[in-house]
Amino acid sequence: MTILLRTSRDLPSDAEWRYWLAVTDSDVSRLETARKLPRLAHRLEAAFDACRTTWWELARRLARTPSAGLSHTVACGAFGSDFGLMLAWDLMVRELAAESEPCLMVCDDPWAFRQLATRTGVSAGKPPSLLTPAWKRTIRGFAARSKLALRLVASVLATRRFNTAVPKGARTLLVYGHPGSRADGFDVYFGPLMRELPELKRLLHCDCPPSRVAELAADGRTASLHGWGSMVFALSMPWRAWRPGPADRSGEFGWLVRRAAARENGGGGPAMNAWQMHCQRRFLAAVRPTAVCWPWENHAWERDLCRAARPLGVRSLGYQHTVIGPHQINYSPRANVDGLAGLPDVVIADGPAYRDELIAWEVPAARVVIGGAWRLPPVAGGRYDPAAPVFVPLSAIPAIARLQVEAARTLAQAGRRVLVKPHPMYPLDFAEMPGLDRTDTGITGHPLLSAVIAATGTSSLEGLLLGLPTFRLLPDDRLAVDILPAGITAAAVTPDELPAALATASPPPPLPYGRVLAPPDIATWKSLLFGDIHPAPERKEAVLGQ
């Protein structure tokens, strides 16, 4: 069949098409909801899953350019890049072109439009302007990086005084500056580990502002990576960007690569990655810590940390500190251009389910140990009551959080009581109404609930551990990242499907905590951080998937 590809300002007559679908952030206000492509959200998620190998293969190819290590796209991070989502739209066009019903596809994105127009079976209208948005992103990106350069110079000057808190050879936790961490030995990512092991030092990631560094450094055991940075290097930030090569910009997915580079370089992300890598390399060379342990997510800067640490004899310990699932393909070494060489010496899993997930994704079993979950302690079940409120923990992604709020309003209007909890780091303002109340209490703080309507984050897992009917809300224009390990599922529903699914909901089979996670084992942590174990000599390792 023919796919009619149009912008929202150039729609064909209704008689020319049967169903419509719209690429992320396109205007669909003039289209009838009743004619939206059936099961669009489910099909989009399935397309994303089907593009996993394509993204890995492209990432390894893109990674051969000198600046690729600064990119979230090349790291295959579903939270930091929507490149996989664009691959999914591209696949959907090819799938729909093989079906019988004519479809209208609305796309206001100038790069994605040009990519989709190259596919067989697509009849494209006039593409949206490219020149103006491209130049806007270029100018905005340079301005953002220039501002960043000045901020980084100030950060070096403000934090260098704390460097002595991490002496040579120290065992070090490298952590983000989470607002819940404290100077009394508690850290959100590692719980009371610094109290349990007093010789540990804490080093704050470059995302942590100097004011927060000063608060946490009151313990005398905390410093900032900024303190090892060069102010001369900081002044080079305006020119730090991801620049794909000519072949990458002209291949089968060339328009999507151009789009990804324009979006990333339209802000300070690549430059901030460059600064993080610069500071951590200077820290490793100056301090030569015996071991460095950090909340591991296999981002670009983490791969660089592993590569820099190994030749110096520094033991790298990556802690899989949070939930992961089928969409977070960045955790696999298949996203690494150098395969296993970009992995930590040891990956510390938070429990058996996620250990098995990592091994299934080709992290060598010999490198994985279970250290336990500092951030997700055991929870008790038996909290289900069909007459209790529905709990809606909002996503960190604003568009998805707004979708959750609208779904909650629909339930409240139908007579259900709904509790909506804003995300602690990315709060969304919304108006309460009869039956819909705001709560700042987490899921475990409510004595009785009837269901959980999650989208992203840990709440879907917590809901299942509590024995509650748990639903994962699917948007139809972007990805709601699934964080559940293999064999554990929450019902995936769209807002339209939710009321009927909720009306027939019943408690799921019991999910034992020990099947998924493990309590922290101090003996294991002490052995990893303070044992007389050193990384093997650096060697060349095969690139996986080739």
Protein backbone atom coordinates (compact mmCIF):
# COMPACT_ATOMS: atom_id res chain seq x y z
CA MET A 1 0.00 0.00 0.00
CA THR A 2 0.97 3.65 -0.13
CA ILE A 3 2.07 5.58 2.95
CA LEU A 4 1.12 9.22 2.56
CA LEU A 5 3.91 11.09 4.35
CA ARG A 6 2.91 14.65 5.17
CA THR A 7 3.58 17.44 7.64
CA SER A 8 0.73 18.62 9.87
CA ARG A 9 0.38 21.71 7.64
CA ASP A 10 -0.02 19.67 4.46
CA LEU A 11 -2.62 17.00 5.20
CA PRO A 12 -4.33 15.17 2.31
CA SER A 13 -8.09 14.71 2.12
CA ASP A 14 -9.63 12.22 4.53
CA ALA A 15 -10.81 10.05 1.64
CA GLU A 16 -7.23 9.18 0.63
CA TRP A 17 -6.32 7.20 3.76
CA ARG A 18 -7.84 4.78 6.26
CA TYR A 19 -5.69 5.24 9.39
CA TRP A 20 -3.17 7.77 10.61
CA LEU A 21 -0.07 7.67 12.80
CA ALA A 22 2.31 10.45 13.78
CA VAL A 23 6.04 10.59 14.44
CA THR A 24 7.05 11.87 17.88
CA ASP A 25 6.21 15.54 18.57
CA SER A 26 4.16 16.02 15.39
CA ASP A 27 0.92 18.03 15.56
CA VAL A 28 -2.16 15.75 15.35
CA SER A 29 -4.73 18.26 16.62
CA ARG A 30 -6.60 18.23 13.29
CA LEU A 31 -6.94 14.43 13.12
CA GLU A 32 -9.76 12.27 14.48
CA THR A 33 -8.69 10.00 17.32
CA ALA A 34 -11.08 7.33 16.05
CA ARG A 35 -8.97 6.91 12.90
CA LYS A 36 -5.64 6.44 14.66
CA LEU A 37 -3.87 3.22 13.63
CA PRO A 38 -5.15 0.38 15.86
CA ARG A 39 -2.70 -0.80 18.53
CA LEU A 40 -0.23 1.90 17.49
CA ALA A 41 1.51 2.03 20.88
CA HIS A 42 1.98 -1.75 20.97
CA ARG A 43 3.28 -1.81 17.40
CA LEU A 44 5.73 1.02 18.09
CA GLU A 45 7.18 -0.78 21.11
CA ALA A 46 7.48 -4.02 19.13
CA ALA A 47 9.28 -2.12 16.37
CA PHE A 48 11.71 -0.66 18.89
CA ASP A 49 12.47 -4.16 20.19
CA ALA A 50 13.02 -5.39 16.64
CA CYS A 51 15.57 -2.60 15.98
CA ARG A 52 17.86 -3.61 18.83
CA THR A 53 20.47 -5.33 16.67
CA THR A 54 20.36 -2.54 14.07
CA TRP A 55 21.16 0.05 16.74
CA TRP A 56 24.03 -2.04 18.14
CA GLU A 57 25.53 -2.52 14.68
CA LEU A 58 25.19 1.15 13.78
CA ALA A 59 26.69 2.18 17.11
CA ARG A 60 29.80 0.09 16.57
CA ARG A 61 30.23 1.58 13.12
CA LEU A 62 29.63 5.14 14.31
CA ALA A 63 32.05 4.63 17.20
CA ARG A 64 34.99 4.49 14.81
CA THR A 65 34.94 8.27 14.34
CA PRO A 66 37.15 10.21 16.80
CA SER A 67 34.38 12.17 18.53
CA ALA A 68 31.86 9.31 18.80
CA GLY A 69 32.72 8.64 22.45
CA LEU A 70 30.93 11.88 23.36
CA SER A 71 27.55 10.67 22.05
CA HIS A 72 24.58 9.13 23.86
CA THR A 73 23.38 7.73 20.52
CA VAL A 74 26.58 5.76 20.04
CA ALA A 75 26.23 4.44 23.60
CA CYS A 76 22.73 3.07 22.69
CA GLY A 77 21.14 4.75 25.70
CA ALA A 78 17.34 4.69 25.43
CA PHE A 79 17.01 7.39 28.12
CA GLY A 80 19.67 9.71 26.67
CA SER A 81 18.88 9.31 22.96
CA ASP A 82 15.73 8.76 20.91
CA PHE A 83 17.70 7.28 18.00
CA GLY A 84 16.21 3.84 18.65
CA LEU A 85 12.73 5.36 18.59
CA MET A 86 13.46 6.89 15.18
CA LEU A 87 14.67 3.49 13.95
CA ALA A 88 11.35 2.08 15.16
CA TRP A 89 9.36 4.65 13.14
CA ASP A 90 11.43 3.80 10.10
CA LEU A 91 10.72 0.10 10.55
CA MET A 92 7.01 0.77 11.01
CA VAL A 93 6.87 2.55 7.65
CA ARG A 94 8.39 -0.48 5.96
CA GLU A 95 5.97 -2.83 7.73
CA LEU A 96 2.90 -0.73 6.92
CA ALA A 97 3.90 -0.44 3.27
CA ALA A 98 3.41 -4.22 3.03
CA GLU A 99 -0.17 -4.05 4.34
CA SER A 100 -3.38 -3.38 2.43
CA GLU A 101 -4.86 -0.27 4.09
CA PRO A 102 -3.58 3.17 3.03
CA CYS A 103 -2.12 5.18 5.92
CA LEU A 104 -1.35 8.80 6.58
CA MET A 105 1.90 9.36 8.45
CA VAL A 106 2.35 12.83 9.92
CA CYS A 107 5.91 13.96 10.51
CA ASP A 108 6.96 17.50 11.41
CA ASP A 109 10.58 16.55 12.09
CA PRO A 110 12.72 17.68 9.10
CA TRP A 111 15.35 14.95 9.46
CA ALA A 112 12.96 12.08 10.17
CA PHE A 113 10.70 13.19 7.28
CA ARG A 114 13.59 12.95 4.82
CA GLN A 115 14.58 9.54 6.20
CA LEU A 116 11.06 8.12 5.87
CA ALA A 117 10.66 9.57 2.38
CA THR A 118 13.46 7.29 1.12
CA ARG A 119 11.44 4.12 1.81
CA THR A 120 9.63 2.11 -0.85
CA GLY A 121 5.88 2.60 -0.76
CA VAL A 122 6.05 6.12 0.67
CA SER A 123 4.46 9.02 -1.21
CA ALA A 124 5.97 12.11 0.38
CA GLY A 125 4.68 15.65 0.26
CA LYS A 126 6.76 18.78 0.73
CA PRO A 127 9.32 18.23 3.50
CA PRO A 128 9.54 20.63 6.44
CA SER A 129 12.27 23.24 6.33
CA LEU A 130 15.67 21.95 7.44
CA LEU A 131 17.89 25.02 7.25
CA THR A 132 16.29 27.08 10.02
CA PRO A 133 16.05 24.33 12.69
CA ALA A 134 19.58 23.12 11.85
CA TRP A 135 21.06 26.59 12.32
CA LYS A 136 19.02 27.19 15.46
CA ARG A 137 20.45 24.04 17.02
CA THR A 138 23.98 24.95 15.91
CA ILE A 139 23.78 28.43 17.45
CA ARG A 140 22.05 27.22 20.59
CA GLY A 141 24.60 24.43 21.04
CA PHE A 142 27.59 26.76 20.72
CA ALA A 143 26.01 29.18 23.19
CA ALA A 144 25.26 26.36 25.65
CA ARG A 145 28.82 25.03 25.46
CA SER A 146 30.29 28.52 25.86
CA LYS A 147 28.23 29.03 28.99
CA LEU A 148 29.30 25.56 30.15
CA ALA A 149 32.98 26.45 29.70
CA LEU A 150 32.71 29.39 32.09
CA ARG A 151 30.76 27.32 34.60
CA LEU A 152 33.40 24.56 34.52
CA VAL A 153 36.24 27.03 35.13
CA ALA A 154 34.36 28.26 38.18
CA SER A 155 33.76 24.65 39.30
CA VAL A 156 37.47 23.85 39.18
CA LEU A 157 38.30 26.88 41.28
CA ALA A 158 35.55 26.12 43.79
CA THR A 159 36.29 22.42 44.33
CA ARG A 160 40.05 21.96 44.02
CA ARG A 161 40.43 22.55 47.77
CA PHE A 162 38.68 19.24 48.48
CA ASN A 163 41.18 17.09 46.51
CA THR A 164 43.11 16.07 49.62
CA ALA A 165 40.06 14.18 50.90
CA VAL A 166 40.91 11.41 48.42
CA PRO A 167 44.57 10.45 48.96
CA LYS A 168 46.72 8.28 46.71
CA GLY A 169 45.65 4.66 46.54
CA ALA A 170 42.24 5.29 48.12
CA ARG A 171 39.29 2.98 47.54
CA THR A 172 36.77 5.34 45.99
CA LEU A 173 33.06 5.50 45.28
CA LEU A 174 32.36 7.68 42.24
CA VAL A 175 28.75 8.87 42.57
CA TYR A 176 26.25 11.41 41.30
CA GLY A 177 25.34 14.31 43.56
CA HIS A 178 21.91 13.00 44.48
CA PRO A 179 19.90 15.35 46.76
CA GLY A 180 19.18 12.44 49.10
CA SER A 181 22.85 11.73 49.87
CA ARG A 182 24.32 13.13 53.08
CA ALA A 183 27.61 13.99 54.77
CA ASP A 184 27.00 11.51 57.61
CA GLY A 185 28.12 8.48 55.57
CA PHE A 186 24.84 7.79 53.77
CA ASP A 187 24.79 7.81 49.98
CA VAL A 188 21.67 7.18 47.89
CA TYR A 189 23.54 4.85 45.54
CA PHE A 190 25.48 2.91 48.17
CA GLY A 191 23.37 3.29 51.31
CA PRO A 192 25.42 3.13 54.54
CA LEU A 193 28.45 1.53 52.87
CA MET A 194 30.72 4.44 53.80
CA ARG A 195 29.74 3.99 57.45
CA GLU A 196 30.34 0.25 57.24
CA LEU A 197 33.74 0.72 55.56
CA PRO A 198 35.26 3.92 57.06
CA GLU A 199 38.30 3.87 54.77
CA LEU A 200 36.14 4.44 51.70
CA LYS A 201 36.27 7.83 50.00
CA ARG A 202 33.59 9.49 47.87
CA LEU A 203 34.20 11.28 44.60
CA LEU A 204 31.39 13.29 43.02
CA HIS A 205 30.58 13.12 39.33
CA CYS A 206 30.88 16.30 37.26
CA ASP A 207 27.12 16.72 37.26
CA CYS A 208 27.30 17.79 40.91
CA PRO A 209 27.46 21.60 41.35
CA PRO A 210 30.09 23.10 43.67
CA SER A 211 27.51 24.16 46.24
CA ARG A 212 26.36 20.58 46.66
CA VAL A 213 29.97 19.37 46.69
CA ALA A 214 30.68 21.66 49.64
CA GLU A 215 27.72 20.23 51.57
CA LEU A 216 28.79 16.61 51.10
CA ALA A 217 32.49 17.35 51.53
CA ALA A 218 31.81 18.36 55.13
CA ASP A 219 32.54 14.73 56.01
CA GLY A 220 36.23 15.14 55.11
CA ARG A 221 35.99 12.06 52.87
CA THR A 222 34.38 13.58 49.77
CA ALA A 223 35.84 15.44 46.79
CA SER A 224 34.73 16.42 43.28
CA LEU A 225 36.10 15.28 39.94
CA HIS A 226 36.01 18.95 38.92
CA GLY A 227 38.95 19.48 41.24
CA TRP A 228 41.26 17.52 38.92
CA GLY A 229 40.14 19.33 35.76
CA SER A 230 42.24 21.75 33.72
CA MET A 231 40.80 25.24 33.29
CA VAL A 232 42.53 25.46 29.91
CA PHE A 233 40.69 22.32 28.79
CA ALA A 234 37.44 23.74 30.16
CA LEU A 235 37.78 26.71 27.82
CA SER A 236 37.79 24.33 24.83
CA MET A 237 34.21 23.21 25.54
CA PRO A 238 32.54 25.37 22.84
CA TRP A 239 34.24 23.24 20.18
CA ARG A 240 33.55 19.84 21.75
CA ALA A 241 30.88 18.09 19.69
CA TRP A 242 29.98 14.76 18.11
CA ARG A 243 30.87 14.87 14.40
CA PRO A 244 29.83 11.73 12.47
CA GLY A 245 31.90 11.01 9.38
CA PRO A 246 30.69 11.53 5.79
CA ALA A 247 29.88 7.84 5.30
CA ASP A 248 27.77 7.82 8.47
CA ARG A 249 25.78 10.86 7.33
CA SER A 250 25.02 9.36 3.91
CA GLY A 251 24.30 5.67 4.63
CA GLU A 252 20.94 3.92 4.85
CA PHE A 253 20.14 5.70 8.11
CA GLY A 254 22.10 8.83 7.28
CA TRP A 255 19.26 11.26 7.93
CA LEU A 256 18.69 9.76 11.38
CA VAL A 257 22.40 10.03 12.18
CA ARG A 258 22.34 13.68 11.11
CA ARG A 259 19.27 14.24 13.26
CA ALA A 260 20.89 12.60 16.30
CA ALA A 261 24.05 14.69 15.93
CA ALA A 262 22.07 17.90 15.51
CA ARG A 263 19.99 17.19 18.61
CA GLU A 264 22.94 16.20 20.80
CA ASN A 265 25.13 19.07 19.60
CA GLY A 266 22.22 21.46 20.12
CA GLY A 267 23.05 21.40 23.84
CA GLY A 268 25.99 20.77 26.11
CA GLY A 269 25.74 16.97 26.40
CA PRO A 270 28.74 15.92 24.27
CA ALA A 271 30.90 18.64 25.83
CA MET A 272 29.92 17.52 29.32
CA ASN A 273 30.91 13.96 28.42
CA ALA A 274 34.27 15.27 27.21
CA TRP A 275 34.79 17.11 30.51
CA GLN A 276 33.85 14.07 32.60
CA MET A 277 36.34 11.90 30.69
CA HIS A 278 39.05 14.53 30.98
CA CYS A 279 38.60 14.92 34.74
CA GLN A 280 38.40 11.20 35.52
CA ARG A 281 41.53 10.44 33.50
CA ARG A 282 43.47 13.14 35.33
CA PHE A 283 42.14 11.84 38.64
CA LEU A 284 43.19 8.26 37.85
CA ALA A 285 46.67 9.35 36.77
CA ALA A 286 47.21 11.57 39.83
CA VAL A 287 45.67 9.44 42.60
CA ARG A 288 46.05 5.88 41.27
CA PRO A 289 43.18 4.65 43.46
CA THR A 290 43.31 0.97 44.33
CA ALA A 291 39.67 0.58 43.25
CA VAL A 292 36.90 2.75 41.85
CA CYS A 293 33.26 1.70 42.17
CA TRP A 294 30.38 3.61 40.59
CA PRO A 295 26.67 3.23 39.65
CA TRP A 296 27.24 1.47 36.34
CA GLU A 297 25.02 2.01 33.29
CA ASN A 298 27.61 1.50 30.52
CA HIS A 299 27.47 5.07 29.27
CA ALA A 300 30.26 6.46 27.11
CA TRP A 301 32.15 8.08 29.98
CA GLU A 302 32.03 4.80 31.93
CA ARG A 303 33.57 2.86 29.07
CA ASP A 304 36.32 5.45 28.93
CA LEU A 305 36.84 5.09 32.68
CA CYS A 306 37.34 1.33 32.33
CA ARG A 307 39.80 1.77 29.46
CA ALA A 308 41.79 4.37 31.40
CA ALA A 309 41.82 2.47 34.70
CA ARG A 310 43.05 -0.91 33.47
CA PRO A 311 46.58 0.05 32.29
CA LEU A 312 47.10 1.93 35.58
CA GLY A 313 46.26 -1.16 37.66
CA VAL A 314 43.11 0.47 39.06
CA ARG A 315 40.36 -2.03 39.79
CA SER A 316 37.08 -0.96 38.15
CA LEU A 317 33.87 -2.08 39.84
CA GLY A 318 30.62 -1.22 38.08
CA TYR A 319 27.56 -1.50 40.34
CA GLN A 320 24.32 -2.28 38.49
CA HIS A 321 22.52 -0.09 40.97
CA THR A 322 19.05 0.12 39.50
CA VAL A 323 16.55 -1.81 37.46
CA ILE A 324 17.20 -2.64 33.80
CA GLY A 325 15.01 -4.28 31.22
CA PRO A 326 14.65 -5.15 27.54
CA HIS A 327 14.79 -1.56 26.28
CA GLN A 328 18.03 -0.50 27.98
CA ILE A 329 20.31 -2.09 25.44
CA ASN A 330 23.21 0.15 26.48
CA TYR A 331 23.99 -2.38 29.24
CA SER A 332 25.12 -4.96 26.72
CA PRO A 333 28.78 -5.00 25.63
CA ARG A 334 27.44 -5.33 22.08
CA ALA A 335 27.02 -1.56 22.28
CA ASN A 336 30.80 -1.22 22.87
CA VAL A 337 33.05 -0.73 19.87
CA ASP A 338 35.79 -2.65 21.71
CA GLY A 339 33.48 -5.27 23.22
CA LEU A 340 34.54 -6.48 26.64
CA ALA A 341 37.43 -4.03 26.93
CA GLY A 342 34.94 -1.27 27.73
CA LEU A 343 33.40 -3.20 30.64
CA PRO A 344 34.43 -2.94 34.32
CA ASP A 345 36.68 -5.64 35.75
CA VAL A 346 33.71 -6.69 37.88
CA VAL A 347 30.02 -5.94 37.40
CA ILE A 348 28.18 -6.02 40.73
CA ALA A 349 24.53 -6.98 40.20
CA ASP A 350 21.77 -6.04 42.62
CA GLY A 351 20.12 -9.45 42.48
CA PRO A 352 19.74 -12.78 40.67
CA ALA A 353 17.21 -11.66 38.03
CA TYR A 354 19.35 -8.78 36.86
CA ARG A 355 22.53 -10.87 37.06
CA ASP A 356 20.89 -13.33 34.67
CA GLU A 357 19.75 -10.45 32.46
CA LEU A 358 23.31 -9.13 32.15
CA ILE A 359 24.70 -12.56 31.37
CA ALA A 360 22.00 -13.12 28.74
CA TRP A 361 23.11 -9.84 27.17
CA GLU A 362 26.69 -11.18 26.88
CA VAL A 363 28.34 -9.75 29.98
CA PRO A 364 30.68 -12.66 30.90
CA ALA A 365 29.39 -14.63 33.88
CA ALA A 366 32.91 -14.63 35.36
CA ARG A 367 32.75 -10.84 35.67
CA VAL A 368 29.37 -10.69 37.43
CA VAL A 369 28.82 -11.02 41.18
CA ILE A 370 25.75 -10.25 43.29
CA GLY A 371 26.35 -7.48 45.81
CA GLY A 372 22.73 -6.71 46.67
CA ALA A 373 20.32 -3.83 46.18
CA TRP A 374 21.07 -0.74 48.26
CA ARG A 375 18.27 1.28 46.67
CA LEU A 376 15.46 -1.31 46.67
CA PRO A 377 15.10 -2.92 50.10
CA PRO A 378 12.70 -5.84 50.67
CA VAL A 379 9.02 -4.95 50.75
CA ALA A 380 6.12 -6.91 52.22
CA GLY A 381 3.14 -8.04 50.14
CA GLY A 382 -0.53 -8.22 51.12
CA ARG A 383 -1.36 -4.58 50.37
CA TYR A 384 -4.14 -5.25 47.85
CA ASP A 385 -7.68 -3.99 48.43
CA PRO A 386 -10.02 -3.56 45.44
CA ALA A 387 -11.68 -0.59 47.17
CA ALA A 388 -8.39 1.23 47.86
CA PRO A 389 -6.94 4.02 45.69
CA VAL A 390 -5.09 3.51 42.40
CA PHE A 391 -1.47 4.64 42.70
CA VAL A 392 0.05 6.56 39.75
CA PRO A 393 3.80 7.30 40.10
CA LEU A 394 4.72 9.81 37.42
CA SER A 395 7.53 9.29 34.94
CA ALA A 396 10.62 11.51 34.78
CA ILE A 397 9.72 12.12 31.11
CA PRO A 398 7.28 15.09 31.03
CA ALA A 399 5.27 13.93 27.99
CA ILE A 400 4.71 10.50 29.54
CA ALA A 401 3.93 12.01 32.96
CA ARG A 402 1.25 14.18 31.35
CA LEU A 403 -0.23 11.08 29.70
CA GLN A 404 -0.38 9.38 33.11
CA VAL A 405 -2.15 12.38 34.63
CA GLU A 406 -4.76 12.37 31.86
CA ALA A 407 -5.31 8.64 32.38
CA ALA A 408 -5.70 9.29 36.11
CA ARG A 409 -8.29 11.99 35.42
CA THR A 410 -10.31 9.57 33.30
CA LEU A 411 -10.30 7.04 36.13
CA ALA A 412 -11.28 9.69 38.69
CA GLN A 413 -14.15 10.87 36.51
CA ALA A 414 -15.37 7.27 36.35
CA GLY A 415 -15.51 7.09 40.15
CA ARG A 416 -12.11 5.61 41.08
CA ARG A 417 -9.98 7.28 43.73
CA VAL A 418 -6.51 7.97 42.35
CA LEU A 419 -3.29 9.06 44.09
CA VAL A 420 -0.76 10.73 41.77
CA LYS A 421 2.84 10.96 42.95
CA PRO A 422 5.16 13.41 41.13
CA HIS A 423 8.66 12.27 40.28
CA PRO A 424 11.05 13.54 43.01
CA MET A 425 13.66 14.82 40.54
CA TYR A 426 11.37 15.96 37.72
CA PRO A 427 8.08 17.15 39.30
CA LEU A 428 5.11 17.91 37.06
CA ASP A 429 2.53 20.47 38.10
CA PHE A 430 -1.09 19.34 37.75
CA ALA A 431 -4.46 20.30 39.17
CA GLU A 432 -6.18 18.04 41.67
CA MET A 433 -9.88 17.24 41.30
CA PRO A 434 -12.51 15.16 43.12
CA GLY A 435 -11.15 11.63 43.24
CA LEU A 436 -7.66 12.64 42.12
CA ASP A 437 -5.21 13.71 44.83
CA ARG A 438 -1.52 14.45 44.87
CA THR A 439 0.69 12.42 47.19
CA ASP A 440 4.37 12.74 48.03
CA THR A 441 4.39 9.35 49.75
CA GLY A 442 6.07 6.52 47.86
CA ILE A 443 4.34 3.29 46.99
CA THR A 444 5.52 1.44 50.11
CA GLY A 445 4.12 4.15 52.38
CA HIS A 446 0.47 3.42 51.55
CA PRO A 447 -1.18 0.71 53.66
CA LEU A 448 -3.63 -0.41 50.94
CA LEU A 449 -3.80 0.10 47.18
CA SER A 450 -5.92 -1.41 44.42
CA ALA A 451 -3.49 -1.04 41.48
CA VAL A 452 -0.37 0.68 40.18
CA ILE A 453 -0.30 2.60 36.87
CA ALA A 454 3.41 3.05 36.10
CA ALA A 455 5.20 3.95 32.88
CA THR A 456 8.95 4.20 33.51
CA GLY A 457 11.05 3.80 36.67
CA THR A 458 11.06 1.23 39.45
CA SER A 459 7.39 1.45 40.47
CA SER A 460 6.23 -1.36 38.20
CA LEU A 461 8.64 -3.73 39.93
CA GLU A 462 7.66 -2.44 43.37
CA GLY A 463 3.99 -2.91 42.54
CA LEU A 464 4.53 -6.55 41.60
CA LEU A 465 6.63 -7.18 44.71
CA LEU A 466 3.76 -5.76 46.78
CA GLY A 467 1.29 -8.13 45.14
CA LEU A 468 -0.64 -5.38 43.37
CA PRO A 469 -2.23 -5.41 39.89
CA THR A 470 0.39 -3.45 37.98
CA PHE A 471 0.05 -1.80 34.58
CA ARG A 472 2.65 -0.20 32.32
CA LEU A 473 1.10 2.70 30.40
CA LEU A 474 2.15 2.92 26.74
CA PRO A 475 2.23 6.22 24.81
CA ASP A 476 1.71 6.02 21.07
CA ASP A 477 4.47 8.43 20.03
CA ARG A 478 7.46 7.52 22.21
CA LEU A 479 8.95 4.73 24.33
CA ALA A 480 7.99 3.94 27.91
CA VAL A 481 11.17 2.17 28.97
CA ASP A 482 10.41 -1.29 30.40
CA ILE A 483 12.58 -2.02 33.44
CA LEU A 484 11.39 -5.54 34.26
CA PRO A 485 13.73 -8.52 33.82
CA ALA A 486 12.94 -11.52 31.65
CA GLY A 487 9.99 -13.59 32.83
CA ILE A 488 8.45 -10.78 34.93
CA THR A 489 5.82 -8.59 33.30
CA ALA A 490 3.36 -5.84 34.06
CA ALA A 491 0.34 -5.59 31.78
CA ALA A 492 1.14 -3.15 28.96
CA VAL A 493 -1.91 -0.98 28.18
CA THR A 494 -2.72 2.24 26.39
CA PRO A 495 -4.85 4.92 28.08
CA ASP A 496 -7.84 3.71 26.05
CA GLU A 497 -7.33 0.12 27.20
CA LEU A 498 -6.70 0.99 30.83
CA PRO A 499 -10.27 1.35 32.22
CA ALA A 500 -11.37 -2.09 30.96
CA ALA A 501 -8.12 -3.72 32.11
CA LEU A 502 -8.45 -2.14 35.54
CA ALA A 503 -12.09 -3.23 35.90
CA THR A 504 -11.12 -6.89 35.61
CA ALA A 505 -7.78 -6.66 37.46
CA SER A 506 -6.83 -9.16 40.13
CA PRO A 507 -3.67 -9.58 42.21
CA PRO A 508 -0.78 -11.15 40.26
CA PRO A 509 0.93 -14.38 41.38
CA PRO A 510 3.33 -13.74 44.29
CA LEU A 511 6.72 -12.40 43.26
CA PRO A 512 9.33 -13.23 45.90
CA TYR A 513 11.86 -10.48 46.49
CA GLY A 514 14.71 -13.01 46.39
CA ARG A 515 13.82 -14.04 42.86
CA VAL A 516 14.66 -10.54 41.63
CA LEU A 517 16.91 -8.78 44.13
CA ALA A 518 19.17 -9.56 47.06
CA PRO A 519 19.88 -7.69 50.31
CA PRO A 520 23.32 -6.04 50.39
CA ASP A 521 26.15 -8.34 51.46
CA ILE A 522 28.80 -6.30 53.31
CA ALA A 523 31.32 -9.16 53.19
CA THR A 524 31.11 -9.23 49.39
CA TRP A 525 31.51 -5.47 49.14
CA LYS A 526 34.49 -5.46 51.50
CA SER A 527 36.15 -8.24 49.52
CA LEU A 528 35.65 -6.41 46.23
CA LEU A 529 36.86 -3.04 47.50
CA PHE A 530 39.57 -4.10 49.93
CA GLY A 531 40.59 -7.60 48.86
CA ASP A 532 44.00 -8.25 47.34
CA ILE A 533 42.58 -8.78 43.88
CA HIS A 534 43.89 -6.80 40.95
CA PRO A 535 42.73 -6.55 37.35
CA ALA A 536 44.38 -8.79 34.82
CA PRO A 537 46.94 -7.16 32.49
CA GLU A 538 45.33 -5.26 29.66
CA ARG A 539 44.74 -7.34 26.58
CA LYS A 540 42.88 -7.03 23.31
CA GLU A 541 39.43 -8.60 23.50
CA ALA A 542 37.06 -9.54 20.72
CA VAL A 543 34.29 -7.18 19.71
CA LEU A 544 31.01 -8.98 20.34
CA GLY A 545 28.51 -9.51 17.59
CA GLN A 546 31.11 -9.45 14.81
